[in-house]
Amino acid sequence: MIINKPSILKEMMRDMKKAPDIYQPGNFWMFYVDKIAKDLEKKDLNKFRNWICGPGSIKSFGGGRDLYGMKYGSNIHPFSDIFIKFDRSFIIKYYNAIINKISKFIPALGIFSFRSSIARNYFEDNLKSLQDSAWIISKLHDENQILNNVEDSKEGDPYGFTNNNKFYTVNFLKEMMQIFFIEKHVRLKNLNVVLEIGAGIGQKASAFLKINPNLTYIIIDIPPALYLSQQYLISQNYKVFTYNDAKKIKSLKEINLRDFNVICLAPWMIDLIFDNSVDIFINVFSFQEMEPYIVENYLNKISRITKNYIYMVNLKKGHFVAEKKKKHGVLKQVTTKNYMNFLSGKFELKSERDHTSIFGIEKNSSELFFTKLNQK
């Protein structure tokens, strides 16, 4: 069960606004954070992976129902659950059956059918096909048979499917595709501490911990994403060192990292992490939403605390540019070339490919795997 504690979220939001500018949301996320926080305060988080929503909501960092995204600014999805009884009612089905028979002789009369009911059947068949494809593609990339031993969590009431008596979602399989790429370079079972900036709802953390229950996964994110991932991971019975716990210490040296599965930190807490304490740093589609000077600051600190590897996936040319400050978008794009420059002399690029996901090869995004220069 996911427990919603709005007082914790409000405290995080207050602290964020007092933090140094470089650790506050960039122009891209400043457009969203207050709205999302207010939304989370009043909702039942036990359904957060089943909400039908779109950009500007938790959908932007991994929440919401798989494959049911709304258009920006829309409040209505044509296949929302609230329309199911109508679309599947006997009267509508009977009426559409009559129109269907008549349309064989007079096609133009098809305009009088309740097409939303018919379209739902096509839509749901397509979703099932996408789930099947996601499973097949994932299995083809799963060289070490990881999927035989892991499955997604049902916390948050996600929209998913069962295969071999295990539960999966499309979002979970998207995370696993990235994990398969990491596994080509380093076995997850050999890792002790993982750090991710921009962890969203914490789904990658959950997947890592299912593969290697003995590691410690450090999450750094802005609220409200940090709050949601913290509560989500607590609900899965992981031992979580919370944001409020972190406020009471000056360094993670004060605790035994092995006592915790997850450590939740806000961006302004990054200096709590001590040198060479992290085995691998991860950033997926997060740096692209920041300005270059913010990313450079993070990677300077990451270079100090990470002793082995860096894995990143981001748009090659960065996110779209805002018309002006406080309008949606980044003020300046951060590109693959920027990442190379920021890590130059500290980490060496070992592998690069176009991002390969369950939806195919995405040529506008790169997967990058670095090793520290002192690694042999």
Protein backbone atom coordinates (compact mmCIF):
# COMPACT_ATOMS: atom_id res chain seq x y z
CA MET A 1 0.00 0.00 0.00
CA ILE A 2 1.29 3.46 -0.94
CA ILE A 3 0.76 5.99 1.83
CA ASN A 4 0.28 9.60 0.75
CA LYS A 5 1.80 12.08 3.22
CA PRO A 6 1.25 15.55 1.71
CA SER A 7 3.10 17.19 4.62
CA ILE A 8 6.35 15.54 3.47
CA LEU A 9 5.81 16.70 -0.10
CA LYS A 10 5.08 20.25 1.06
CA GLU A 11 8.26 20.24 3.14
CA MET A 12 10.29 19.09 0.13
CA MET A 13 8.77 21.81 -2.04
CA ARG A 14 9.53 24.50 0.57
CA ASP A 15 13.12 23.30 0.91
CA MET A 16 13.56 23.25 -2.86
CA LYS A 17 12.63 26.91 -3.15
CA LYS A 18 15.28 27.80 -0.56
CA ALA A 19 18.00 25.73 -2.26
CA PRO A 20 20.77 27.28 -4.41
CA ASP A 21 19.53 28.09 -7.92
CA ILE A 22 21.76 25.47 -9.53
CA TYR A 23 19.87 22.72 -7.66
CA GLN A 24 16.38 24.00 -8.37
CA PRO A 25 14.39 22.81 -11.39
CA GLY A 26 15.62 24.22 -14.69
CA ASN A 27 13.34 26.19 -16.98
CA PHE A 28 11.82 22.97 -18.41
CA TRP A 29 10.60 21.53 -15.10
CA MET A 30 9.84 24.84 -13.37
CA PHE A 31 6.88 24.96 -15.74
CA TYR A 32 5.42 21.80 -14.15
CA VAL A 33 6.50 21.16 -10.55
CA ASP A 34 3.96 23.19 -8.55
CA LYS A 35 1.03 21.89 -10.58
CA ILE A 36 2.10 18.27 -10.20
CA ALA A 37 2.76 18.67 -6.47
CA LYS A 38 -0.73 20.09 -5.84
CA ASP A 39 -2.21 17.27 -7.88
CA LEU A 40 -0.40 14.60 -5.87
CA GLU A 41 -1.46 16.08 -2.53
CA LYS A 42 -5.12 15.21 -3.08
CA LYS A 43 -4.94 11.94 -5.01
CA ASP A 44 -4.87 8.26 -4.05
CA LEU A 45 -1.33 7.17 -4.89
CA ASN A 46 -2.44 3.54 -4.90
CA LYS A 47 -3.75 4.19 -8.41
CA PHE A 48 -0.97 6.48 -9.69
CA ARG A 49 0.28 3.99 -12.30
CA ASN A 50 -3.23 3.67 -13.69
CA TRP A 51 -4.10 7.35 -14.11
CA ILE A 52 -4.76 8.36 -17.70
CA CYS A 53 -2.81 11.58 -18.09
CA GLY A 54 -0.37 13.38 -20.35
CA PRO A 55 2.55 15.85 -20.44
CA GLY A 56 2.68 18.22 -17.51
CA SER A 57 1.67 15.46 -15.08
CA ILE A 58 3.34 12.43 -13.51
CA LYS A 59 3.26 10.90 -17.00
CA SER A 60 6.32 13.06 -17.69
CA PHE A 61 8.42 11.07 -15.21
CA GLY A 62 7.11 7.53 -15.52
CA GLY A 63 3.67 7.51 -13.86
CA GLY A 64 0.28 7.02 -15.45
CA ARG A 65 -1.14 4.12 -17.40
CA ASP A 66 1.05 2.50 -20.06
CA LEU A 67 0.15 3.42 -23.64
CA TYR A 68 -2.81 5.63 -22.65
CA GLY A 69 -1.16 9.05 -22.85
CA MET A 70 -3.31 12.14 -23.30
CA LYS A 71 -2.45 15.04 -25.61
CA TYR A 72 -1.09 18.10 -23.83
CA GLY A 73 -3.89 20.21 -22.35
CA SER A 74 -6.54 17.53 -22.86
CA ASN A 75 -8.83 16.41 -20.03
CA ILE A 76 -10.56 13.67 -22.01
CA HIS A 77 -9.16 10.40 -23.34
CA PRO A 78 -11.63 8.68 -25.71
CA PHE A 79 -10.95 5.28 -24.15
CA SER A 80 -10.95 6.23 -20.47
CA ASP A 81 -12.56 3.74 -18.09
CA ILE A 82 -15.47 6.11 -17.47
CA PHE A 83 -16.73 5.37 -21.00
CA ILE A 84 -16.43 1.56 -20.82
CA LYS A 85 -19.99 0.84 -19.64
CA PHE A 86 -21.38 2.96 -22.44
CA ASP A 87 -19.08 1.54 -25.14
CA ARG A 88 -19.77 -2.07 -24.10
CA SER A 89 -23.45 -1.79 -23.28
CA PHE A 90 -25.88 -4.19 -24.97
CA ILE A 91 -27.85 -1.33 -26.55
CA ILE A 92 -24.77 0.20 -28.21
CA LYS A 93 -23.50 -3.17 -29.41
CA TYR A 94 -26.91 -4.11 -30.79
CA TYR A 95 -27.34 -0.73 -32.48
CA ASN A 96 -23.84 -0.91 -34.05
CA ALA A 97 -24.55 -4.45 -35.27
CA ILE A 98 -27.65 -3.21 -37.13
CA ILE A 99 -25.75 -0.27 -38.67
CA ASN A 100 -22.96 -2.66 -39.65
CA LYS A 101 -25.39 -4.90 -41.57
CA ILE A 102 -27.06 -1.98 -43.33
CA SER A 103 -23.69 -0.47 -44.24
CA LYS A 104 -22.92 -3.52 -46.32
CA PHE A 105 -25.47 -2.22 -48.80
CA ILE A 106 -25.31 1.54 -48.06
CA PRO A 107 -21.76 2.33 -46.77
CA ALA A 108 -22.54 6.00 -46.10
CA LEU A 109 -24.91 4.99 -43.26
CA GLY A 110 -21.86 3.95 -41.25
CA ILE A 111 -21.64 7.58 -40.16
CA PHE A 112 -24.56 6.92 -37.80
CA SER A 113 -22.70 4.25 -35.81
CA PHE A 114 -21.23 4.88 -32.36
CA ARG A 115 -17.69 4.71 -33.67
CA SER A 116 -16.02 5.29 -30.29
CA SER A 117 -17.30 1.88 -29.19
CA ILE A 118 -15.96 0.24 -32.35
CA ALA A 119 -12.68 2.14 -32.12
CA ARG A 120 -12.14 0.95 -28.53
CA ASN A 121 -11.98 -2.65 -29.79
CA TYR A 122 -9.34 -1.73 -32.37
CA PHE A 123 -7.41 0.31 -29.79
CA GLU A 124 -7.36 -2.44 -27.17
CA ASP A 125 -6.35 -5.07 -29.74
CA ASN A 126 -3.47 -2.80 -30.73
CA LEU A 127 -2.41 -2.41 -27.08
CA LYS A 128 -2.32 -6.19 -26.70
CA SER A 129 -0.19 -6.41 -29.83
CA LEU A 130 2.21 -3.77 -28.46
CA GLN A 131 2.53 -5.68 -25.18
CA ASP A 132 3.28 -8.90 -27.08
CA SER A 133 5.89 -7.12 -29.20
CA ALA A 134 7.48 -5.54 -26.12
CA TRP A 135 7.79 -8.97 -24.52
CA ILE A 136 9.31 -10.60 -27.62
CA ILE A 137 11.82 -7.78 -28.19
CA SER A 138 12.82 -7.82 -24.52
CA LYS A 139 13.37 -11.58 -24.56
CA LEU A 140 15.53 -11.29 -27.67
CA HIS A 141 17.83 -8.80 -25.89
CA ASP A 142 17.87 -10.68 -22.58
CA GLU A 143 21.14 -12.56 -23.07
CA ASN A 144 21.47 -13.52 -19.41
CA GLN A 145 17.83 -14.61 -18.96
CA ILE A 146 17.15 -11.95 -16.34
CA LEU A 147 13.42 -11.82 -17.10
CA ASN A 148 13.05 -15.40 -15.89
CA ASN A 149 13.60 -14.18 -12.34
CA VAL A 150 12.12 -10.66 -12.14
CA GLU A 151 8.76 -9.01 -12.61
CA ASP A 152 7.15 -5.61 -12.14
CA SER A 153 5.47 -4.52 -8.93
CA LYS A 154 1.67 -4.22 -8.82
CA GLU A 155 1.87 -1.27 -6.41
CA GLY A 156 0.18 1.76 -7.93
CA ASP A 157 -2.29 -0.48 -9.82
CA PRO A 158 -0.38 -0.53 -13.15
CA TYR A 159 -1.85 -1.57 -16.49
CA GLY A 160 0.05 -4.71 -17.46
CA PHE A 161 -0.03 -8.35 -18.51
CA THR A 162 1.07 -11.77 -17.28
CA ASN A 163 3.58 -14.05 -18.97
CA ASN A 164 4.98 -17.25 -17.47
CA ASN A 165 3.10 -16.42 -14.25
CA LYS A 166 4.96 -13.13 -13.87
CA PHE A 167 3.54 -9.61 -14.14
CA TYR A 168 4.99 -7.08 -16.58
CA THR A 169 4.22 -3.62 -17.89
CA VAL A 170 5.51 -1.93 -21.01
CA ASN A 171 7.29 0.69 -18.87
CA PHE A 172 9.02 -2.04 -16.88
CA LEU A 173 10.24 -3.71 -20.07
CA LYS A 174 11.52 -0.33 -21.31
CA GLU A 175 13.63 -0.14 -18.15
CA MET A 176 14.81 -3.71 -18.62
CA MET A 177 16.04 -2.98 -22.16
CA GLN A 178 18.39 -0.37 -20.70
CA ILE A 179 19.46 -2.79 -17.99
CA PHE A 180 20.32 -5.42 -20.62
CA PHE A 181 22.68 -2.88 -22.25
CA ILE A 182 24.33 -2.12 -18.91
CA GLU A 183 24.64 -5.85 -18.22
CA LYS A 184 26.73 -6.22 -21.40
CA HIS A 185 29.41 -4.08 -19.74
CA VAL A 186 29.10 -4.94 -16.06
CA ARG A 187 27.15 -7.63 -14.23
CA LEU A 188 24.56 -6.06 -11.98
CA LYS A 189 25.24 -8.70 -9.35
CA ASN A 190 28.76 -7.27 -8.99
CA LEU A 191 27.55 -3.76 -8.15
CA ASN A 192 27.32 -2.44 -4.60
CA VAL A 193 26.14 1.18 -4.97
CA VAL A 194 24.19 2.74 -7.85
CA LEU A 195 23.38 6.44 -8.22
CA GLU A 196 20.66 7.77 -10.50
CA ILE A 197 19.77 11.40 -11.10
CA GLY A 198 16.24 11.82 -12.43
CA ALA A 199 14.85 8.47 -11.28
CA GLY A 200 11.19 9.37 -11.88
CA ILE A 201 8.91 7.03 -9.97
CA GLY A 202 11.86 4.79 -9.04
CA GLN A 203 11.08 1.97 -11.43
CA LYS A 204 14.67 1.41 -12.52
CA ALA A 205 15.70 1.31 -8.86
CA SER A 206 13.06 -1.33 -8.21
CA ALA A 207 14.22 -3.37 -11.23
CA PHE A 208 17.89 -3.21 -10.15
CA LEU A 209 16.99 -4.35 -6.65
CA LYS A 210 15.01 -7.29 -7.98
CA ILE A 211 18.12 -8.43 -9.86
CA ASN A 212 20.57 -7.65 -7.05
CA PRO A 213 18.83 -7.33 -3.67
CA ASN A 214 22.17 -6.65 -1.96
CA LEU A 215 22.98 -3.33 -3.61
CA THR A 216 22.18 0.20 -2.42
CA TYR A 217 20.42 2.46 -4.90
CA ILE A 218 20.79 6.21 -4.40
CA ILE A 219 18.16 8.40 -5.99
CA ILE A 220 18.60 12.12 -6.60
CA ASP A 221 15.60 13.97 -7.98
CA ILE A 222 13.58 17.12 -7.59
CA PRO A 223 10.28 17.01 -5.78
CA PRO A 224 7.59 16.00 -6.49
CA ALA A 225 9.30 13.11 -8.35
CA LEU A 226 11.50 12.38 -5.33
CA TYR A 227 8.48 12.21 -3.05
CA LEU A 228 6.61 9.82 -5.34
CA SER A 229 9.58 7.48 -5.83
CA GLN A 230 10.22 7.45 -2.08
CA GLN A 231 6.65 6.48 -1.20
CA TYR A 232 6.47 3.98 -4.08
CA LEU A 233 9.65 2.17 -3.02
CA ILE A 234 8.61 2.14 0.65
CA SER A 235 5.37 0.43 -0.40
CA GLN A 236 7.45 -2.40 -1.92
CA ASN A 237 9.02 -3.04 1.49
CA TYR A 238 12.45 -1.82 0.53
CA LYS A 239 14.52 -0.37 3.36
CA VAL A 240 14.46 3.32 2.43
CA PHE A 241 16.65 6.06 3.91
CA THR A 242 14.21 8.90 3.36
CA TYR A 243 14.61 12.55 2.51
CA ASN A 244 13.84 13.47 6.13
CA ASP A 245 16.46 11.00 7.35
CA ALA A 246 18.99 12.64 5.02
CA LYS A 247 18.23 16.08 6.47
CA LYS A 248 19.63 14.90 9.81
CA ILE A 249 23.14 14.00 8.60
CA LYS A 250 26.13 15.78 7.07
CA SER A 251 27.51 12.80 5.13
CA LEU A 252 26.41 9.31 4.12
CA LYS A 253 29.55 8.16 5.95
CA GLU A 254 27.44 8.47 9.09
CA ILE A 255 25.35 5.46 8.05
CA ASN A 256 26.10 1.97 6.79
CA LEU A 257 24.97 2.00 3.16
CA ARG A 258 24.39 -1.75 3.28
CA ASP A 259 21.65 -1.21 5.85
CA PHE A 260 19.47 0.35 3.14
CA ASN A 261 18.17 -0.68 -0.27
CA VAL A 262 17.33 2.88 -1.30
CA ILE A 263 18.59 6.33 -0.30
CA CYS A 264 16.46 9.31 -1.36
CA LEU A 265 18.22 12.65 -1.77
CA ALA A 266 17.24 16.01 -3.20
CA PRO A 267 19.68 17.66 -5.66
CA TRP A 268 21.02 20.05 -3.01
CA MET A 269 22.05 17.00 -0.95
CA ILE A 270 24.46 15.59 -3.53
CA ASP A 271 27.50 16.50 -1.42
CA LEU A 272 26.36 14.01 1.21
CA ILE A 273 27.76 11.33 -1.11
CA PHE A 274 31.44 10.75 -0.43
CA ASP A 275 34.27 10.21 -2.92
CA ASN A 276 34.49 6.93 -4.86
CA SER A 277 31.47 5.49 -3.08
CA VAL A 278 29.34 4.88 -6.20
CA ASP A 279 30.01 2.02 -8.65
CA ILE A 280 27.86 3.32 -11.50
CA PHE A 281 26.03 6.56 -12.23
CA ILE A 282 22.87 6.55 -14.38
CA ASN A 283 20.93 9.29 -16.13
CA VAL A 284 18.09 8.53 -18.54
CA PHE A 285 16.23 11.28 -20.41
CA SER A 286 16.82 13.72 -17.56
CA PHE A 287 19.92 15.78 -18.34
CA GLN A 288 18.33 16.75 -21.67
CA GLU A 289 15.73 18.70 -19.67
CA MET A 290 18.35 20.86 -17.95
CA GLU A 291 20.57 23.72 -19.04
CA PRO A 292 24.25 22.90 -19.82
CA TYR A 293 25.66 24.69 -16.75
CA ILE A 294 23.43 22.57 -14.47
CA VAL A 295 24.55 19.33 -16.16
CA GLU A 296 28.21 20.39 -16.01
CA ASN A 297 27.92 21.00 -12.27
CA TYR A 298 26.38 17.56 -11.74
CA LEU A 299 28.96 15.74 -13.87
CA ASN A 300 31.83 17.47 -12.09
CA LYS A 301 30.50 16.10 -8.82
CA ILE A 302 29.64 12.71 -10.37
CA SER A 303 33.22 12.36 -11.62
CA ARG A 304 34.44 12.65 -8.03
CA ILE A 305 32.01 10.26 -6.35
CA THR A 306 31.75 7.60 -9.10
CA LYS A 307 34.61 5.13 -9.20
CA ASN A 308 33.78 2.93 -12.19
CA TYR A 309 31.02 3.56 -14.75
CA ILE A 310 28.55 6.05 -16.20
CA TYR A 311 25.49 5.12 -18.27
CA MET A 312 23.42 7.82 -19.96
CA VAL A 313 20.53 7.98 -22.43
CA ASN A 314 19.49 11.38 -23.76
CA LEU A 315 18.46 13.19 -26.92
CA LYS A 316 21.53 13.78 -29.10
CA LYS A 317 20.69 17.41 -29.81
CA GLY A 318 18.88 18.17 -26.56
CA HIS A 319 15.30 19.12 -25.80
CA PHE A 320 13.34 21.88 -27.53
CA VAL A 321 14.18 25.48 -26.67
CA ALA A 322 11.66 27.70 -24.89
CA GLU A 323 10.44 30.87 -26.58
CA LYS A 324 11.67 32.77 -23.54
CA LYS A 325 12.38 32.29 -19.84
CA LYS A 326 9.49 30.78 -17.84
CA LYS A 327 7.95 29.40 -21.04
CA HIS A 328 8.01 25.63 -21.51
CA GLY A 329 11.32 24.22 -22.77
CA VAL A 330 15.03 24.53 -22.03
CA LEU A 331 16.81 27.86 -22.29
CA LYS A 332 19.80 26.21 -23.99
CA GLN A 333 20.16 22.68 -25.30
CA VAL A 334 22.61 20.20 -23.83
CA THR A 335 23.96 17.79 -26.44
CA THR A 336 25.98 14.59 -26.65
CA LYS A 337 29.04 16.72 -27.41
CA ASN A 338 28.50 18.56 -24.11
CA TYR A 339 28.54 15.28 -22.16
CA MET A 340 31.79 14.27 -23.86
CA ASN A 341 33.40 17.62 -23.03
CA PHE A 342 32.21 17.64 -19.41
CA LEU A 343 33.64 14.14 -18.83
CA SER A 344 36.83 14.64 -20.83
CA GLY A 345 39.95 13.63 -18.93
CA LYS A 346 37.89 11.82 -16.29
CA PHE A 347 35.87 9.15 -18.09
CA GLU A 348 36.38 7.36 -21.41
CA LEU A 349 33.52 6.48 -23.77
CA LYS A 350 33.53 2.69 -24.14
CA SER A 351 30.29 2.13 -26.03
CA GLU A 352 27.76 4.24 -27.92
CA ARG A 353 24.66 3.30 -29.89
CA ASP A 354 21.35 4.75 -30.98
CA HIS A 355 18.92 4.16 -28.15
CA THR A 356 17.43 0.69 -28.59
CA SER A 357 14.05 0.23 -26.91
CA ILE A 358 11.05 -2.06 -27.13
CA PHE A 359 9.75 0.30 -29.82
CA GLY A 360 12.83 -0.13 -32.01
CA ILE A 361 15.90 2.00 -32.65
CA GLU A 362 15.49 5.67 -31.76
CA LYS A 363 18.08 7.48 -33.87
CA ASN A 364 17.56 10.86 -32.19
CA SER A 365 18.80 9.50 -28.83
CA SER A 366 22.12 8.00 -27.74
CA GLU A 367 23.02 5.36 -25.18
CA LEU A 368 26.47 6.08 -23.78
CA PHE A 369 28.57 3.87 -21.50
CA PHE A 370 31.73 5.33 -19.94
CA THR A 371 34.46 3.88 -17.76
CA LYS A 372 36.68 5.89 -15.45
CA LEU A 373 40.10 6.53 -16.97
CA ASN A 374 41.93 4.71 -14.18
CA GLN A 375 39.98 1.51 -14.98
CA LYS A 376 41.91 -1.22 -16.80
